[in-house]
Amino acid sequence: MPKLKTKSGAKKRFQVKKSGKIKHAVAFAKHLFTHAKSMDRRRRGRGTTNLRDMDAKKVIKELFPYGAN
């Protein structure tokens, strides 16, 4: 069997922690800050969060074929 490649987009977007949680950036937080988004949405879009457990399992299984790190 040939080797499977890790999805390169997943390498750039997700970081798997030792606890098994997956850290990711908040979506919709890159542009249109001057007029299209309220201050609350801008503030919530900063920083990073963790994926929920069911999504984390799916990401590890499908995008990292040989495990997390």
PDB file of N, CA and C in Angstrom:
ATOM      1  N   MET A   1       0.834  -1.189   0.000  1.00  0.00           N
ATOM      2  CA  MET A   1       0.000   0.000   0.000  1.00  0.00           C
ATOM      3  C   MET A   1       0.880   1.254   0.000  1.00  0.00           C
ATOM      4  N   PRO A   2       0.531   2.232  -0.802  1.00  0.00           N
ATOM      5  CA  PRO A   2       1.296   3.474  -0.781  1.00  0.00           C
ATOM      6  C   PRO A   2       1.017   4.285   0.483  1.00  0.00           C
ATOM      7  N   LYS A   3       1.913   5.182   0.779  1.00  0.00           N
ATOM      8  CA  LYS A   3       1.731   6.044   1.940  1.00  0.00           C
ATOM      9  C   LYS A   3       0.607   7.044   1.666  1.00  0.00           C
ATOM     10  N   LEU A   4      -0.073   7.437   2.717  1.00  0.00           N
ATOM     11  CA  LEU A   4      -1.112   8.458   2.610  1.00  0.00           C
ATOM     12  C   LEU A   4      -0.529   9.805   2.990  1.00  0.00           C
ATOM     13  N   LYS A   5      -0.947  10.842   2.319  1.00  0.00           N
ATOM     14  CA  LYS A   5      -0.456  12.170   2.643  1.00  0.00           C
ATOM     15  C   LYS A   5      -1.403  12.864   3.613  1.00  0.00           C
ATOM     16  N   THR A   6      -0.828  13.610   4.552  1.00  0.00           N
ATOM     17  CA  THR A   6      -1.620  14.471   5.409  1.00  0.00           C
ATOM     18  C   THR A   6      -2.102  15.641   4.570  1.00  0.00           C
ATOM     19  N   LYS A   7      -3.330  16.055   4.762  1.00  0.00           N
ATOM     20  CA  LYS A   7      -3.860  17.195   4.014  1.00  0.00           C
ATOM     21  C   LYS A   7      -3.106  18.455   4.406  1.00  0.00           C
ATOM     22  N   SER A   8      -2.490  19.121   3.439  1.00  0.00           N
ATOM     23  CA  SER A   8      -1.641  20.265   3.765  1.00  0.00           C
ATOM     24  C   SER A   8      -2.456  21.449   4.269  1.00  0.00           C
ATOM     25  N   GLY A   9      -3.723  21.551   3.852  1.00  0.00           N
ATOM     26  CA  GLY A   9      -4.573  22.623   4.379  1.00  0.00           C
ATOM     27  C   GLY A   9      -4.849  22.426   5.860  1.00  0.00           C
ATOM     28  N   ALA A  10      -4.982  21.180   6.280  1.00  0.00           N
ATOM     29  CA  ALA A  10      -5.226  20.886   7.694  1.00  0.00           C
ATOM     30  C   ALA A  10      -3.998  21.212   8.538  1.00  0.00           C
ATOM     31  N   LYS A  11      -2.819  20.963   8.003  1.00  0.00           N
ATOM     32  CA  LYS A  11      -1.599  21.291   8.738  1.00  0.00           C
ATOM     33  C   LYS A  11      -1.523  22.776   9.042  1.00  0.00           C
ATOM     34  N   LYS A  12      -2.007  23.590   8.090  1.00  0.00           N
ATOM     35  CA  LYS A  12      -1.918  25.042   8.248  1.00  0.00           C
ATOM     36  C   LYS A  12      -3.008  25.598   9.155  1.00  0.00           C
ATOM     37  N   ARG A  13      -4.146  24.925   9.239  1.00  0.00           N
ATOM     38  CA  ARG A  13      -5.303  25.499   9.926  1.00  0.00           C
ATOM     39  C   ARG A  13      -5.563  24.961  11.323  1.00  0.00           C
ATOM     40  N   PHE A  14      -5.079  23.756  11.619  1.00  0.00           N
ATOM     41  CA  PHE A  14      -5.374  23.134  12.902  1.00  0.00           C
ATOM     42  C   PHE A  14      -4.088  22.808  13.640  1.00  0.00           C
ATOM     43  N   GLN A  15      -4.167  22.879  14.971  1.00  0.00           N
ATOM     44  CA  GLN A  15      -3.053  22.437  15.807  1.00  0.00           C
ATOM     45  C   GLN A  15      -3.624  21.474  16.834  1.00  0.00           C
ATOM     46  N   VAL A  16      -3.108  20.253  16.868  1.00  0.00           N
ATOM     47  CA  VAL A  16      -3.612  19.241  17.778  1.00  0.00           C
ATOM     48  C   VAL A  16      -2.808  19.317  19.068  1.00  0.00           C
ATOM     49  N   LYS A  17      -3.506  19.501  20.180  1.00  0.00           N
ATOM     50  CA  LYS A  17      -2.861  19.618  21.483  1.00  0.00           C
ATOM     51  C   LYS A  17      -2.642  18.224  22.083  1.00  0.00           C
ATOM     52  N   LYS A  18      -1.855  18.150  23.134  1.00  0.00           N
ATOM     53  CA  LYS A  18      -1.570  16.857  23.760  1.00  0.00           C
ATOM     54  C   LYS A  18      -2.824  16.218  24.348  1.00  0.00           C
ATOM     55  N   SER A  19      -3.774  17.038  24.756  1.00  0.00           N
ATOM     56  CA  SER A  19      -5.003  16.511  25.341  1.00  0.00           C
ATOM     57  C   SER A  19      -5.941  15.934  24.290  1.00  0.00           C
ATOM     58  N   GLY A  20      -5.612  16.121  22.994  1.00  0.00           N
ATOM     59  CA  GLY A  20      -6.461  15.642  21.921  1.00  0.00           C
ATOM     60  C   GLY A  20      -7.400  16.700  21.385  1.00  0.00           C
ATOM     61  N   LYS A  21      -7.405  17.888  22.028  1.00  0.00           N
ATOM     62  CA  LYS A  21      -8.246  18.962  21.531  1.00  0.00           C
ATOM     63  C   LYS A  21      -7.580  19.604  20.321  1.00  0.00           C
ATOM     64  N   ILE A  22      -8.385  20.192  19.462  1.00  0.00           N
ATOM     65  CA  ILE A  22      -7.858  20.812  18.252  1.00  0.00           C
ATOM     66  C   ILE A  22      -8.101  22.306  18.307  1.00  0.00           C
ATOM     67  N   LYS A  23      -7.030  23.053  18.220  1.00  0.00           N
ATOM     68  CA  LYS A  23      -7.082  24.511  18.265  1.00  0.00           C
ATOM     69  C   LYS A  23      -7.200  25.043  16.843  1.00  0.00           C
ATOM     70  N   HIS A  24      -8.051  26.060  16.668  1.00  0.00           N
ATOM     71  CA  HIS A  24      -8.233  26.641  15.339  1.00  0.00           C
ATOM     72  C   HIS A  24      -8.569  28.114  15.462  1.00  0.00           C
ATOM     73  N   ALA A  25      -8.384  28.850  14.388  1.00  0.00           N
ATOM     74  CA  ALA A  25      -8.727  30.268  14.372  1.00  0.00           C
ATOM     75  C   ALA A  25     -10.225  30.435  14.170  1.00  0.00           C
ATOM     76  N   VAL A  26     -10.741  31.551  14.614  1.00  0.00           N
ATOM     77  CA  VAL A  26     -12.168  31.834  14.471  1.00  0.00           C
ATOM     78  C   VAL A  26     -12.469  32.212  13.022  1.00  0.00           C
ATOM     79  N   ALA A  27     -13.593  31.727  12.506  1.00  0.00           N
ATOM     80  CA  ALA A  27     -13.958  31.985  11.120  1.00  0.00           C
ATOM     81  C   ALA A  27     -14.498  33.397  10.926  1.00  0.00           C
ATOM     82  N   PHE A  28     -14.459  33.881   9.700  1.00  0.00           N
ATOM     83  CA  PHE A  28     -15.007  35.171   9.276  1.00  0.00           C
ATOM     84  C   PHE A  28     -14.349  36.347   9.978  1.00  0.00           C
ATOM     85  N   ALA A  29     -13.058  36.279  10.238  1.00  0.00           N
ATOM     86  CA  ALA A  29     -12.408  37.345  10.992  1.00  0.00           C
ATOM     87  C   ALA A  29     -11.212  37.923  10.247  1.00  0.00           C
ATOM     88  N   LYS A  30     -11.280  38.002   8.931  1.00  0.00           N
ATOM     89  CA  LYS A  30     -10.113  38.455   8.195  1.00  0.00           C
ATOM     90  C   LYS A  30     -10.293  39.790   7.481  1.00  0.00           C
ATOM     91  N   HIS A  31     -11.517  40.185   7.140  1.00  0.00           N
ATOM     92  CA  HIS A  31     -11.688  41.431   6.392  1.00  0.00           C
ATOM     93  C   HIS A  31     -13.083  41.998   6.616  1.00  0.00           C
ATOM     94  N   LEU A  32     -13.381  43.124   6.004  1.00  0.00           N
ATOM     95  CA  LEU A  32     -14.650  43.853   6.130  1.00  0.00           C
ATOM     96  C   LEU A  32     -14.892  44.313   7.567  1.00  0.00           C
ATOM     97  N   PHE A  33     -13.886  44.923   8.179  1.00  0.00           N
ATOM     98  CA  PHE A  33     -14.047  45.377   9.551  1.00  0.00           C
ATOM     99  C   PHE A  33     -14.602  46.788   9.655  1.00  0.00           C
ATOM    100  N   THR A  34     -14.490  47.590   8.604  1.00  0.00           N
ATOM    101  CA  THR A  34     -14.841  48.999   8.754  1.00  0.00           C
ATOM    102  C   THR A  34     -16.341  49.248   8.748  1.00  0.00           C
ATOM    103  N   HIS A  35     -17.105  48.483   7.979  1.00  0.00           N
ATOM    104  CA  HIS A  35     -18.527  48.805   7.896  1.00  0.00           C
ATOM    105  C   HIS A  35     -19.445  47.601   8.015  1.00  0.00           C
ATOM    106  N   ALA A  36     -18.986  46.416   7.759  1.00  0.00           N
ATOM    107  CA  ALA A  36     -19.903  45.278   7.628  1.00  0.00           C
ATOM    108  C   ALA A  36     -20.110  44.505   8.924  1.00  0.00           C
ATOM    109  N   LYS A  37     -19.271  44.711   9.931  1.00  0.00           N
ATOM    110  CA  LYS A  37     -19.381  43.920  11.145  1.00  0.00           C
ATOM    111  C   LYS A  37     -19.510  44.821  12.361  1.00  0.00           C
ATOM    112  N   SER A  38     -20.315  44.365  13.314  1.00  0.00           N
ATOM    113  CA  SER A  38     -20.462  45.121  14.552  1.00  0.00           C
ATOM    114  C   SER A  38     -19.227  44.912  15.425  1.00  0.00           C
ATOM    115  N   MET A  39     -19.108  45.755  16.443  1.00  0.00           N
ATOM    116  CA  MET A  39     -17.955  45.657  17.341  1.00  0.00           C
ATOM    117  C   MET A  39     -17.966  44.313  18.074  1.00  0.00           C
ATOM    118  N   ASP A  40     -19.141  43.831  18.427  1.00  0.00           N
ATOM    119  CA  ASP A  40     -19.213  42.537  19.118  1.00  0.00           C
ATOM    120  C   ASP A  40     -18.678  41.408  18.247  1.00  0.00           C
ATOM    121  N   ARG A  41     -19.063  41.405  16.967  1.00  0.00           N
ATOM    122  CA  ARG A  41     -18.578  40.361  16.063  1.00  0.00           C
ATOM    123  C   ARG A  41     -17.084  40.471  15.860  1.00  0.00           C
ATOM    124  N   ARG A  42     -16.572  41.692  15.789  1.00  0.00           N
ATOM    125  CA  ARG A  42     -15.129  41.863  15.619  1.00  0.00           C
ATOM    126  C   ARG A  42     -14.378  41.342  16.838  1.00  0.00           C
ATOM    127  N   ARG A  43     -14.902  41.630  18.011  1.00  0.00           N
ATOM    128  CA  ARG A  43     -14.226  41.212  19.240  1.00  0.00           C
ATOM    129  C   ARG A  43     -14.267  39.686  19.379  1.00  0.00           C
ATOM    130  N   ARG A  44     -15.408  39.077  19.080  1.00  0.00           N
ATOM    131  CA  ARG A  44     -15.504  37.620  19.179  1.00  0.00           C
ATOM    132  C   ARG A  44     -14.662  36.902  18.134  1.00  0.00           C
ATOM    133  N   GLY A  45     -14.340  37.585  17.057  1.00  0.00           N
ATOM    134  CA  GLY A  45     -13.553  36.963  16.001  1.00  0.00           C
ATOM    135  C   GLY A  45     -12.070  36.914  16.262  1.00  0.00           C
ATOM    136  N   ARG A  46     -11.630  37.549  17.334  1.00  0.00           N
ATOM    137  CA  ARG A  46     -10.198  37.537  17.648  1.00  0.00           C
ATOM    138  C   ARG A  46      -9.785  36.199  18.255  1.00  0.00           C
ATOM    139  N   GLY A  47      -8.523  35.878  18.102  1.00  0.00           N
ATOM    140  CA  GLY A  47      -7.957  34.750  18.817  1.00  0.00           C
ATOM    141  C   GLY A  47      -8.320  33.394  18.247  1.00  0.00           C
ATOM    142  N   THR A  48      -8.258  32.400  19.123  1.00  0.00           N
ATOM    143  CA  THR A  48      -8.479  31.016  18.712  1.00  0.00           C
ATOM    144  C   THR A  48      -9.473  30.351  19.657  1.00  0.00           C
ATOM    145  N   THR A  49     -10.015  29.233  19.210  1.00  0.00           N
ATOM    146  CA  THR A  49     -10.897  28.413  20.040  1.00  0.00           C
ATOM    147  C   THR A  49     -10.573  26.947  19.788  1.00  0.00           C
ATOM    148  N   ASN A  50     -11.262  26.074  20.505  1.00  0.00           N
ATOM    149  CA  ASN A  50     -11.096  24.638  20.313  1.00  0.00           C
ATOM    150  C   ASN A  50     -12.300  24.087  19.574  1.00  0.00           C
ATOM    151  N   LEU A  51     -12.045  23.103  18.709  1.00  0.00           N
ATOM    152  CA  LEU A  51     -13.148  22.416  18.050  1.00  0.00           C
ATOM    153  C   LEU A  51     -13.903  21.577  19.068  1.00  0.00           C
ATOM    154  N   ARG A  52     -15.170  21.342  18.798  1.00  0.00           N
ATOM    155  CA  ARG A  52     -15.941  20.448  19.663  1.00  0.00           C
ATOM    156  C   ARG A  52     -15.446  19.018  19.459  1.00  0.00           C
ATOM    157  N   ASP A  53     -15.727  18.160  20.426  1.00  0.00           N
ATOM    158  CA  ASP A  53     -15.170  16.807  20.431  1.00  0.00           C
ATOM    159  C   ASP A  53     -15.549  16.005  19.193  1.00  0.00           C
ATOM    160  N   MET A  54     -16.817  16.075  18.775  1.00  0.00           N
ATOM    161  CA  MET A  54     -17.231  15.271  17.622  1.00  0.00           C
ATOM    162  C   MET A  54     -16.550  15.751  16.349  1.00  0.00           C
ATOM    163  N   ASP A  55     -16.340  17.073  16.224  1.00  0.00           N
ATOM    164  CA  ASP A  55     -15.647  17.599  15.058  1.00  0.00           C
ATOM    165  C   ASP A  55     -14.155  17.271  15.122  1.00  0.00           C
ATOM    166  N   ALA A  56     -13.583  17.280  16.310  1.00  0.00           N
ATOM    167  CA  ALA A  56     -12.165  16.978  16.465  1.00  0.00           C
ATOM    168  C   ALA A  56     -11.857  15.543  16.037  1.00  0.00           C
ATOM    169  N   LYS A  57     -12.719  14.611  16.413  1.00  0.00           N
ATOM    170  CA  LYS A  57     -12.516  13.222  16.006  1.00  0.00           C
ATOM    171  C   LYS A  57     -12.533  13.087  14.488  1.00  0.00           C
ATOM    172  N   LYS A  58     -13.471  13.791  13.862  1.00  0.00           N
ATOM    173  CA  LYS A  58     -13.599  13.716  12.412  1.00  0.00           C
ATOM    174  C   LYS A  58     -12.379  14.315  11.723  1.00  0.00           C
ATOM    175  N   VAL A  59     -11.876  15.434  12.225  1.00  0.00           N
ATOM    176  CA  VAL A  59     -10.704  16.083  11.633  1.00  0.00           C
ATOM    177  C   VAL A  59      -9.487  15.178  11.742  1.00  0.00           C
ATOM    178  N   ILE A  60      -9.276  14.603  12.917  1.00  0.00           N
ATOM    179  CA  ILE A  60      -8.107  13.731  13.093  1.00  0.00           C
ATOM    180  C   ILE A  60      -8.209  12.503  12.196  1.00  0.00           C
ATOM    181  N   LYS A  61      -9.399  11.910  12.118  1.00  0.00           N
ATOM    182  CA  LYS A  61      -9.569  10.688  11.340  1.00  0.00           C
ATOM    183  C   LYS A  61      -9.396  10.935   9.840  1.00  0.00           C
ATOM    184  N   GLU A  62      -9.979  12.020   9.333  1.00  0.00           N
ATOM    185  CA  GLU A  62     -10.004  12.222   7.890  1.00  0.00           C
ATOM    186  C   GLU A  62      -8.818  13.016   7.349  1.00  0.00           C
ATOM    187  N   LEU A  63      -8.309  13.970   8.125  1.00  0.00           N
ATOM    188  CA  LEU A  63      -7.290  14.858   7.572  1.00  0.00           C
ATOM    189  C   LEU A  63      -5.876  14.518   8.033  1.00  0.00           C
ATOM    190  N   PHE A  64      -5.742  13.776   9.128  1.00  0.00           N
ATOM    191  CA  PHE A  64      -4.426  13.342   9.593  1.00  0.00           C
ATOM    192  C   PHE A  64      -4.407  11.820   9.602  1.00  0.00           C
ATOM    193  N   PRO A  65      -4.096  11.186   8.481  1.00  0.00           N
ATOM    194  CA  PRO A  65      -4.255   9.731   8.376  1.00  0.00           C
ATOM    195  C   PRO A  65      -3.383   8.922   9.321  1.00  0.00           C
ATOM    196  N   TYR A  66      -2.251   9.440   9.749  1.00  0.00           N
ATOM    197  CA  TYR A  66      -1.369   8.683  10.640  1.00  0.00           C
ATOM    198  C   TYR A  66      -1.377   9.217  12.049  1.00  0.00           C
ATOM    199  N   GLY A  67      -2.425   9.911  12.446  1.00  0.00           N
ATOM    200  CA  GLY A  67      -2.508  10.454  13.798  1.00  0.00           C
ATOM    201  C   GLY A  67      -2.216  11.939  13.801  1.00  0.00           C
ATOM    202  N   ALA A  68      -2.301  12.482  14.985  1.00  0.00           N
ATOM    203  CA  ALA A  68      -2.286  13.930  15.114  1.00  0.00           C
ATOM    204  C   ALA A  68      -0.934  14.554  14.834  1.00  0.00           C
ATOM    205  N   ASN A  69       0.088  14.229  15.570  1.00  0.00           N
ATOM    206  CA  ASN A  69       1.348  14.966  15.406  1.00  0.00           C
ATOM    207  C   ASN A  69       2.424  14.163  14.758  1.00  0.00           C
TER     208      ASN A  69
END
